[in-house]
Amino acid sequence: MKGAGRRVAITGYGVVAPTGIGKKAFWDGLNGPGITDHRSIEIEDWDPLPYFDNAKDARRADRVEQFALAAAAEAFEQAGTPPVDPSRFGTIFATGVGGLRSTEEQLTNLLTKGERRVSPFTVPMMMPNAPGAAISMRYGLRGPNETITTACAASTHALGYAARLIAWGMCDAVVSGGAESAGCPIGIASFGNMTALSTSGSSRPFDVDRDGFVLGEGSGIMVLEREDFARARGATVYGRLAGIGTSSDGHHITAPDPTGSGASRAIGAALRTAGIDPADVGHVNCHATSTPVGDVAEAAAIRAAIGEHPVLTAPKSAMGHLLGAAGAVESIAAMLSVREGIVPPSLNLERIDEGVQLDVVAGEARKIDLSAAVNDAFGFGGHNVALVFVTP
């Protein structure tokens, strides 16, 4: 990051998402079809066994931890294990709600079968820090091991904090990202009764008929390391995480500031730490949850902080809202857009809201020369965060 003396390279990434398991399937899946007729969309035919030594260990891990280990396996397979002191290799992970499925399952056991039928593994299955802890133990990482839970901004915060640890000289490498699996009955009922979920079952960000999000699930993980270390060992550098900005709305526990001022401050701070002029940002990978207020507020923030020139997309139209994992998965998409020169479409977009006033890719992917892209994310509680990804 600017002025820090240590540039942050991305040398590996892994994805588990409803659009596909593995980075190629995920990227291809962003081209459609869009989500319709769903309140929640899950990863079909999920098999955790390839990522565990045995079936017993897999059963003792909540689905959110299973996703995290699967994405981490792909990221490390790609990056290798950076040859740094394990005490300087961190694990900064994120989730919005953690092991909600295990919590629901074991509470049902308690109420229907009695106390003795509650699993002794309930606490490690439900605790939010379990996925990050599992990754650090799997790979013998002994640096900072922390979990961030800032709702739907969590994994974007995690990636930003991980990059700061490297830029500030506190770590030489960090594995970071997030995981989520909250589409169980209590999750669906809770989000549904607060009117956050789409009543039509469609995810249509920026469309005039949008009416809420569709729950998704999955995990996104990046291996970050000092660029000089990565170059010295001959690692492929897929991109650089160059800037981070954060802010708070201080407005409402669930609703965003409709002016987008807090989000705009976060984006502006990310550009400043990256040393990037707004005119150089060609693409924004949007948080765009398909809610009536949120999408327009985000558009206002982008116009204020960057201008009207960037090309936008909204991946939640293809994969649903991954809550605490959304930012990491969408950051991977932003990095790939810069690397490949392709912006995937925002699906189900038929009539753009007149309050957006920006160029949103619709219909099919668009080829564009990019040197810098922004990924932003916002979470219940007024959390705002933006990251800047640039060419290697």
Protein backbone atom coordinates (compact mmCIF):
# COMPACT_ATOMS: atom_id res chain seq x y z
CA MET A 1 0.00 0.00 0.00
CA LYS A 2 1.12 3.55 -0.63
CA GLY A 3 3.87 4.63 1.68
CA ALA A 4 4.03 1.30 3.51
CA GLY A 5 7.09 -0.03 1.68
CA ARG A 6 5.63 -3.50 1.15
CA ARG A 7 3.34 -4.23 -1.78
CA VAL A 8 0.79 -7.00 -1.32
CA ALA A 9 0.62 -9.71 -3.97
CA ILE A 10 -2.15 -12.25 -4.54
CA THR A 11 -0.52 -15.60 -5.29
CA GLY A 12 -3.43 -17.99 -4.83
CA TYR A 13 -7.20 -18.00 -4.56
CA GLY A 14 -9.95 -20.55 -4.07
CA VAL A 15 -13.72 -20.40 -4.41
CA VAL A 16 -16.71 -22.46 -3.38
CA ALA A 17 -19.92 -20.85 -4.61
CA PRO A 18 -23.37 -21.68 -6.02
CA THR A 19 -22.03 -20.68 -9.45
CA GLY A 20 -19.41 -23.41 -9.22
CA ILE A 21 -16.86 -25.17 -7.04
CA GLY A 22 -13.36 -24.08 -7.99
CA LYS A 23 -12.13 -20.85 -9.48
CA LYS A 24 -12.80 -21.70 -13.13
CA ALA A 25 -16.33 -22.98 -12.56
CA PHE A 26 -17.08 -19.95 -10.40
CA TRP A 27 -15.83 -17.49 -13.01
CA ASP A 28 -17.69 -19.21 -15.83
CA GLY A 29 -20.85 -19.37 -13.72
CA LEU A 30 -21.00 -15.60 -13.28
CA ASN A 31 -22.26 -15.38 -16.86
CA GLY A 32 -25.60 -16.86 -15.88
CA PRO A 33 -28.30 -17.84 -15.67
CA GLY A 34 -29.61 -15.37 -13.13
CA ILE A 35 -31.35 -16.50 -9.97
CA THR A 36 -35.13 -16.83 -10.13
CA ASP A 37 -37.71 -18.67 -7.99
CA HIS A 38 -35.47 -19.06 -4.95
CA ARG A 39 -35.39 -17.65 -1.44
CA SER A 40 -32.11 -19.43 -0.83
CA ILE A 41 -29.70 -21.10 -3.24
CA GLU A 42 -27.33 -23.83 -2.06
CA ILE A 43 -24.31 -25.60 -3.53
CA GLU A 44 -25.69 -28.73 -5.11
CA ASP A 45 -24.32 -32.20 -4.30
CA TRP A 46 -21.78 -30.82 -1.84
CA ASP A 47 -19.29 -33.49 -0.75
CA PRO A 48 -16.89 -32.46 2.04
CA LEU A 49 -14.97 -35.76 2.16
CA PRO A 50 -12.16 -34.78 -0.25
CA TYR A 51 -11.13 -32.06 2.20
CA PHE A 52 -10.96 -34.22 5.35
CA ASP A 53 -9.01 -37.27 6.45
CA ASN A 54 -12.18 -39.22 7.21
CA ALA A 55 -15.96 -38.98 7.35
CA LYS A 56 -15.97 -38.54 11.14
CA ASP A 57 -13.88 -35.38 10.96
CA ALA A 58 -16.12 -34.03 8.21
CA ARG A 59 -19.25 -34.61 10.33
CA ARG A 60 -17.67 -32.68 13.20
CA ALA A 61 -17.25 -29.58 11.05
CA ASP A 62 -20.14 -27.27 10.24
CA ARG A 63 -20.81 -26.68 6.55
CA VAL A 64 -19.26 -23.20 6.88
CA GLU A 65 -15.96 -24.78 8.00
CA GLN A 66 -16.13 -27.38 5.25
CA PHE A 67 -16.44 -24.62 2.64
CA ALA A 68 -13.52 -22.73 4.15
CA LEU A 69 -11.19 -25.73 4.06
CA ALA A 70 -12.21 -26.52 0.48
CA ALA A 71 -11.47 -22.98 -0.72
CA ALA A 72 -8.22 -22.92 1.24
CA ALA A 73 -7.10 -26.18 -0.36
CA GLU A 74 -7.50 -24.68 -3.83
CA ALA A 75 -5.78 -21.43 -2.84
CA PHE A 76 -2.76 -23.22 -1.36
CA GLU A 77 -2.56 -25.66 -4.24
CA GLN A 78 -2.24 -22.69 -6.56
CA ALA A 79 0.08 -20.56 -4.42
CA GLY A 80 2.10 -23.30 -2.82
CA THR A 81 3.02 -22.57 0.77
CA PRO A 82 5.07 -19.38 0.78
CA PRO A 83 8.40 -20.26 2.41
CA VAL A 84 8.15 -17.83 5.28
CA ASP A 85 8.53 -18.24 9.03
CA PRO A 86 5.23 -19.82 10.22
CA SER A 87 5.10 -17.27 13.04
CA ARG A 88 4.88 -14.55 10.36
CA PHE A 89 2.16 -16.33 8.36
CA GLY A 90 -1.24 -15.11 9.49
CA THR A 91 -4.82 -16.30 9.18
CA ILE A 92 -7.37 -13.50 9.03
CA PHE A 93 -10.79 -14.94 8.37
CA ALA A 94 -14.40 -13.82 8.45
CA THR A 95 -17.99 -14.92 8.70
CA GLY A 96 -21.27 -13.19 9.33
CA VAL A 97 -22.99 -15.74 11.58
CA GLY A 98 -20.68 -18.78 11.71
CA GLY A 99 -22.06 -22.27 12.30
CA LEU A 100 -25.75 -21.42 12.20
CA ARG A 101 -26.75 -24.81 10.81
CA SER A 102 -25.09 -26.65 13.71
CA THR A 103 -26.64 -24.27 16.22
CA GLU A 104 -30.11 -24.93 14.80
CA GLU A 105 -29.57 -28.68 14.60
CA GLN A 106 -28.31 -29.05 18.15
CA LEU A 107 -30.99 -26.77 19.57
CA THR A 108 -33.56 -29.03 17.89
CA ASN A 109 -31.88 -32.04 19.53
CA LEU A 110 -32.06 -30.32 22.89
CA LEU A 111 -35.76 -29.47 22.60
CA THR A 112 -36.90 -32.77 21.11
CA LYS A 113 -34.52 -35.37 22.54
CA GLY A 114 -33.07 -33.84 25.69
CA GLU A 115 -29.78 -32.45 26.93
CA ARG A 116 -27.79 -35.66 26.61
CA ARG A 117 -28.41 -35.76 22.84
CA VAL A 118 -26.63 -32.46 22.25
CA SER A 119 -23.30 -33.13 20.55
CA PRO A 120 -20.16 -32.47 22.59
CA PHE A 121 -18.78 -30.88 19.41
CA THR A 122 -21.52 -28.23 19.30
CA VAL A 123 -19.35 -25.35 20.49
CA PRO A 124 -16.46 -25.90 18.04
CA MET A 125 -19.00 -26.41 15.24
CA MET A 126 -20.96 -23.24 15.91
CA MET A 127 -18.26 -20.79 16.98
CA PRO A 128 -17.53 -18.15 14.31
CA ASN A 129 -13.76 -18.52 14.60
CA ALA A 130 -13.80 -22.25 13.81
CA PRO A 131 -13.16 -21.94 10.04
CA GLY A 132 -10.13 -19.70 10.44
CA ALA A 133 -8.79 -21.82 13.28
CA ALA A 134 -9.19 -24.95 11.15
CA ILE A 135 -7.20 -23.39 8.31
CA SER A 136 -4.37 -22.31 10.60
CA MET A 137 -4.14 -25.79 12.11
CA ARG A 138 -4.37 -27.53 8.73
CA TYR A 139 -1.39 -25.57 7.35
CA GLY A 140 0.60 -24.99 10.54
CA LEU A 141 0.26 -21.20 10.45
CA ARG A 142 1.35 -19.56 13.70
CA GLY A 143 1.04 -15.86 12.97
CA PRO A 144 -1.96 -13.70 13.91
CA ASN A 145 -5.13 -15.80 13.78
CA GLU A 146 -8.22 -13.62 14.01
CA THR A 147 -11.83 -13.70 12.88
CA ILE A 148 -13.81 -10.64 11.82
CA THR A 149 -17.61 -10.53 12.05
CA THR A 150 -18.92 -7.31 10.55
CA ALA A 151 -21.98 -8.88 8.93
CA CYS A 152 -21.90 -8.69 5.14
CA ALA A 153 -18.73 -6.57 5.12
CA ALA A 154 -16.78 -9.16 7.11
CA SER A 155 -14.60 -10.89 4.52
CA THR A 156 -13.84 -7.62 2.74
CA HIS A 157 -12.66 -6.25 6.08
CA ALA A 158 -10.63 -9.43 6.59
CA LEU A 159 -8.81 -9.09 3.27
CA GLY A 160 -8.10 -5.43 3.96
CA TYR A 161 -6.77 -6.11 7.45
CA ALA A 162 -4.65 -9.00 6.13
CA ALA A 163 -3.13 -6.69 3.52
CA ARG A 164 -2.39 -4.10 6.19
CA LEU A 165 -0.53 -6.67 8.30
CA ILE A 166 1.75 -7.36 5.35
CA ALA A 167 2.14 -3.71 4.35
CA TRP A 168 2.98 -2.72 7.93
CA GLY A 169 5.63 -5.46 8.22
CA MET A 170 3.77 -7.51 10.84
CA CYS A 171 3.37 -10.55 8.57
CA ASP A 172 5.09 -11.83 5.45
CA ALA A 173 2.08 -13.82 4.23
CA VAL A 174 -1.58 -14.15 5.23
CA VAL A 175 -4.38 -16.45 4.14
CA SER A 176 -7.63 -14.52 4.25
CA GLY A 177 -11.24 -14.58 3.17
CA GLY A 178 -14.57 -15.74 4.50
CA ALA A 179 -17.17 -18.48 4.57
CA GLU A 180 -20.91 -18.64 5.18
CA SER A 181 -23.80 -21.10 5.13
CA ALA A 182 -26.92 -19.60 6.66
CA GLY A 183 -29.66 -20.88 4.37
CA CYS A 184 -31.19 -23.12 7.02
CA PRO A 185 -34.77 -22.65 8.27
CA ILE A 186 -33.91 -20.16 11.02
CA GLY A 187 -31.74 -18.13 8.65
CA ILE A 188 -34.36 -18.02 5.92
CA ALA A 189 -37.15 -17.19 8.37
CA SER A 190 -35.15 -14.46 10.07
CA PHE A 191 -34.09 -12.67 6.90
CA GLY A 192 -37.49 -13.24 5.36
CA ASN A 193 -39.46 -11.78 8.27
CA MET A 194 -37.32 -8.66 8.28
CA THR A 195 -38.26 -8.26 4.58
CA ALA A 196 -34.64 -8.54 3.40
CA LEU A 197 -35.29 -11.55 1.14
CA SER A 198 -36.85 -11.26 -2.28
CA THR A 199 -40.55 -12.08 -2.22
CA SER A 200 -40.44 -12.86 -5.94
CA GLY A 201 -37.50 -15.23 -5.55
CA SER A 202 -35.32 -13.26 -7.97
CA SER A 203 -32.02 -11.49 -7.49
CA ARG A 204 -32.09 -8.43 -9.76
CA PRO A 205 -29.64 -5.76 -8.54
CA PHE A 206 -30.18 -2.24 -9.90
CA ASP A 207 -33.43 -3.26 -11.60
CA VAL A 208 -36.49 -1.12 -10.95
CA ASP A 209 -38.41 -4.23 -9.81
CA ARG A 210 -35.80 -5.50 -7.33
CA ASP A 211 -37.32 -6.55 -4.01
CA GLY A 212 -34.56 -8.05 -1.86
CA PHE A 213 -31.80 -10.62 -2.01
CA VAL A 214 -31.61 -14.38 -2.36
CA LEU A 215 -29.45 -16.17 0.23
CA GLY A 216 -26.35 -17.89 -1.10
CA GLU A 217 -23.51 -19.80 0.55
CA GLY A 218 -19.87 -20.57 0.01
CA SER A 219 -16.33 -19.38 0.64
CA GLY A 220 -13.67 -17.27 -1.01
CA ILE A 221 -10.01 -17.25 0.04
CA MET A 222 -6.85 -15.48 -1.10
CA VAL A 223 -3.22 -16.15 -0.26
CA LEU A 224 -1.55 -12.77 0.17
CA GLU A 225 2.18 -12.24 0.55
CA ARG A 226 4.88 -9.65 0.23
CA GLU A 227 5.37 -9.02 -3.45
CA ASP A 228 9.15 -9.10 -3.18
CA PHE A 229 8.96 -12.54 -1.53
CA ALA A 230 6.57 -13.78 -4.21
CA ARG A 231 8.78 -12.54 -7.05
CA ALA A 232 11.90 -14.00 -5.45
CA ARG A 233 10.39 -17.48 -5.25
CA GLY A 234 9.03 -17.31 -8.78
CA ALA A 235 5.37 -17.38 -7.76
CA THR A 236 2.70 -16.22 -10.17
CA VAL A 237 1.23 -12.92 -9.04
CA TYR A 238 -2.42 -12.75 -10.10
CA GLY A 239 -2.96 -9.22 -8.91
CA ARG A 240 -2.22 -6.80 -6.11
CA LEU A 241 -4.42 -5.62 -3.28
CA ALA A 242 -3.35 -2.01 -3.28
CA GLY A 243 -5.80 -0.06 -1.11
CA ILE A 244 -8.37 -0.32 1.66
CA GLY A 245 -10.82 2.17 3.09
CA THR A 246 -13.36 1.75 5.88
CA SER A 247 -16.03 3.87 7.52
CA SER A 248 -19.26 3.70 9.48
CA ASP A 249 -22.65 5.13 8.60
CA GLY A 250 -23.62 5.72 12.23
CA HIS A 251 -27.17 5.62 10.91
CA HIS A 252 -29.24 2.43 11.47
CA ILE A 253 -28.73 -1.18 12.53
CA THR A 254 -29.87 -2.60 9.17
CA ALA A 255 -30.62 0.23 6.72
CA PRO A 256 -27.78 2.02 4.91
CA ASP A 257 -27.45 5.77 4.91
CA PRO A 258 -29.56 6.57 1.84
CA THR A 259 -27.16 9.32 0.78
CA GLY A 260 -24.29 6.83 0.48
CA SER A 261 -21.96 9.27 2.24
CA GLY A 262 -20.35 6.67 4.49
CA ALA A 263 -19.77 4.28 1.61
CA SER A 264 -18.33 7.13 -0.44
CA ARG A 265 -15.81 7.90 2.32
CA ALA A 266 -14.69 4.28 2.39
CA ILE A 267 -14.18 4.18 -1.37
CA GLY A 268 -12.30 7.48 -1.32
CA ALA A 269 -10.01 6.25 1.46
CA ALA A 270 -9.26 3.06 -0.48
CA LEU A 271 -8.23 5.07 -3.53
CA ARG A 272 -5.99 7.32 -1.44
CA THR A 273 -4.17 4.44 0.26
CA ALA A 274 -3.67 2.83 -3.15
CA GLY A 275 -2.40 6.04 -4.67
CA ILE A 276 -5.02 5.67 -7.42
CA ASP A 277 -6.79 8.56 -9.09
CA PRO A 278 -10.57 8.05 -9.46
CA ALA A 279 -10.17 8.46 -13.22
CA ASP A 280 -7.99 5.32 -13.29
CA VAL A 281 -10.73 3.09 -11.83
CA GLY A 282 -12.39 1.34 -14.75
CA HIS A 283 -14.61 -1.11 -12.87
CA VAL A 284 -16.56 -1.48 -9.63
CA ASN A 285 -17.64 -4.93 -8.49
CA CYS A 286 -20.67 -3.89 -6.48
CA HIS A 287 -22.13 -5.09 -3.20
CA ALA A 288 -25.58 -4.48 -4.79
CA THR A 289 -27.84 -6.79 -2.79
CA SER A 290 -31.00 -6.08 -4.84
CA THR A 291 -32.66 -4.11 -2.05
CA PRO A 292 -34.61 -0.96 -2.91
CA VAL A 293 -32.60 1.47 -0.75
CA GLY A 294 -29.19 -0.19 -0.77
CA ASP A 295 -28.55 -0.31 -4.51
CA VAL A 296 -29.38 3.36 -5.08
CA ALA A 297 -27.31 4.45 -2.05
CA GLU A 298 -24.34 2.47 -3.38
CA ALA A 299 -24.70 4.04 -6.80
CA ALA A 300 -24.70 7.49 -5.19
CA ALA A 301 -21.52 6.59 -3.29
CA ILE A 302 -19.78 5.43 -6.46
CA ARG A 303 -20.72 8.59 -8.35
CA ALA A 304 -19.48 10.76 -5.49
CA ALA A 305 -16.18 8.94 -4.90
CA ILE A 306 -15.22 7.83 -8.41
CA GLY A 307 -17.51 9.43 -10.97
CA GLU A 308 -19.81 8.15 -13.68
CA HIS A 309 -17.20 6.44 -15.88
CA PRO A 310 -16.59 3.02 -14.25
CA VAL A 311 -18.29 -0.12 -15.54
CA LEU A 312 -20.33 -1.91 -12.85
CA THR A 313 -21.50 -5.45 -12.22
CA ALA A 314 -23.40 -7.22 -9.41
CA PRO A 315 -22.39 -10.89 -8.88
CA LYS A 316 -25.21 -11.55 -6.40
CA SER A 317 -27.54 -11.80 -9.37
CA ALA A 318 -25.76 -15.06 -10.26
CA MET A 319 -24.80 -16.56 -6.90
CA GLY A 320 -27.04 -14.97 -4.28
CA HIS A 321 -25.88 -13.10 -1.21
CA LEU A 322 -23.13 -14.99 0.60
CA LEU A 323 -23.38 -12.65 3.62
CA GLY A 324 -20.03 -12.64 5.42
CA ALA A 325 -18.33 -14.49 2.55
CA ALA A 326 -19.70 -12.23 -0.19
CA GLY A 327 -16.89 -9.67 -0.14
CA ALA A 328 -14.10 -12.23 -0.48
CA VAL A 329 -15.78 -14.07 -3.36
CA GLU A 330 -16.61 -10.79 -5.10
CA SER A 331 -13.07 -9.50 -4.52
CA ILE A 332 -11.81 -12.54 -6.41
CA ALA A 333 -14.17 -11.61 -9.23
CA ALA A 334 -12.85 -8.02 -9.20
CA MET A 335 -9.26 -9.25 -9.32
CA LEU A 336 -10.10 -11.56 -12.22
CA SER A 337 -11.78 -8.73 -14.12
CA VAL A 338 -8.56 -6.74 -13.93
CA ARG A 339 -6.47 -9.76 -14.90
CA GLU A 340 -8.69 -11.01 -17.73
CA GLY A 341 -10.04 -7.69 -18.98
CA ILE A 342 -13.60 -8.99 -18.72
CA VAL A 343 -16.52 -7.75 -16.61
CA PRO A 344 -19.26 -10.37 -16.08
CA PRO A 345 -22.86 -9.22 -16.52
CA SER A 346 -25.34 -8.22 -13.86
CA LEU A 347 -28.11 -10.73 -14.53
CA ASN A 348 -31.89 -10.24 -14.47
CA LEU A 349 -31.39 -6.56 -15.24
CA GLU A 350 -34.23 -5.55 -17.54
CA ARG A 351 -35.05 -1.96 -16.53
CA ILE A 352 -32.35 -0.07 -14.67
CA ASP A 353 -33.51 2.17 -11.82
CA GLU A 354 -33.29 5.82 -12.84
CA GLY A 355 -31.58 6.54 -9.51
CA VAL A 356 -28.52 4.49 -10.51
CA GLN A 357 -27.27 6.65 -13.40
CA LEU A 358 -24.22 4.44 -14.03
CA ASP A 359 -23.02 1.97 -16.67
CA VAL A 360 -24.06 -1.47 -15.41
CA VAL A 361 -23.03 -4.42 -17.60
CA ALA A 362 -26.13 -6.43 -18.53
CA GLY A 363 -26.93 -9.28 -20.88
CA GLU A 364 -23.44 -10.57 -21.56
CA ALA A 365 -19.89 -10.03 -20.34
CA ARG A 366 -17.99 -7.01 -21.60
CA LYS A 367 -14.34 -6.85 -22.60
CA ILE A 368 -12.54 -3.81 -21.24
CA ASP A 369 -8.93 -2.82 -20.57
CA LEU A 370 -8.53 -2.40 -16.83
CA SER A 371 -5.66 -1.36 -14.60
CA ALA A 372 -7.65 -0.89 -11.39
CA ALA A 373 -10.98 -2.08 -9.95
CA VAL A 374 -12.85 -1.48 -6.71
CA ASN A 375 -14.81 -3.99 -4.68
CA ASP A 376 -17.06 -2.53 -2.01
CA ALA A 377 -19.12 -4.13 0.74
CA PHE A 378 -21.56 -2.97 3.38
CA GLY A 379 -22.88 -4.74 6.47
CA PHE A 380 -25.72 -4.47 8.94
CA GLY A 381 -24.56 -2.10 11.64
CA GLY A 382 -23.40 0.52 9.15
CA HIS A 383 -20.07 -1.08 8.21
CA ASN A 384 -18.54 0.16 4.95
CA VAL A 385 -15.35 -1.12 3.32
CA ALA A 386 -13.74 -0.86 -0.11
CA LEU A 387 -10.70 -2.54 -1.65
CA VAL A 388 -8.66 -1.57 -4.70
CA PHE A 389 -7.19 -4.27 -6.94
CA VAL A 390 -4.59 -3.41 -9.56
CA THR A 391 -2.55 -5.18 -12.21
CA PRO A 392 0.55 -7.05 -10.97
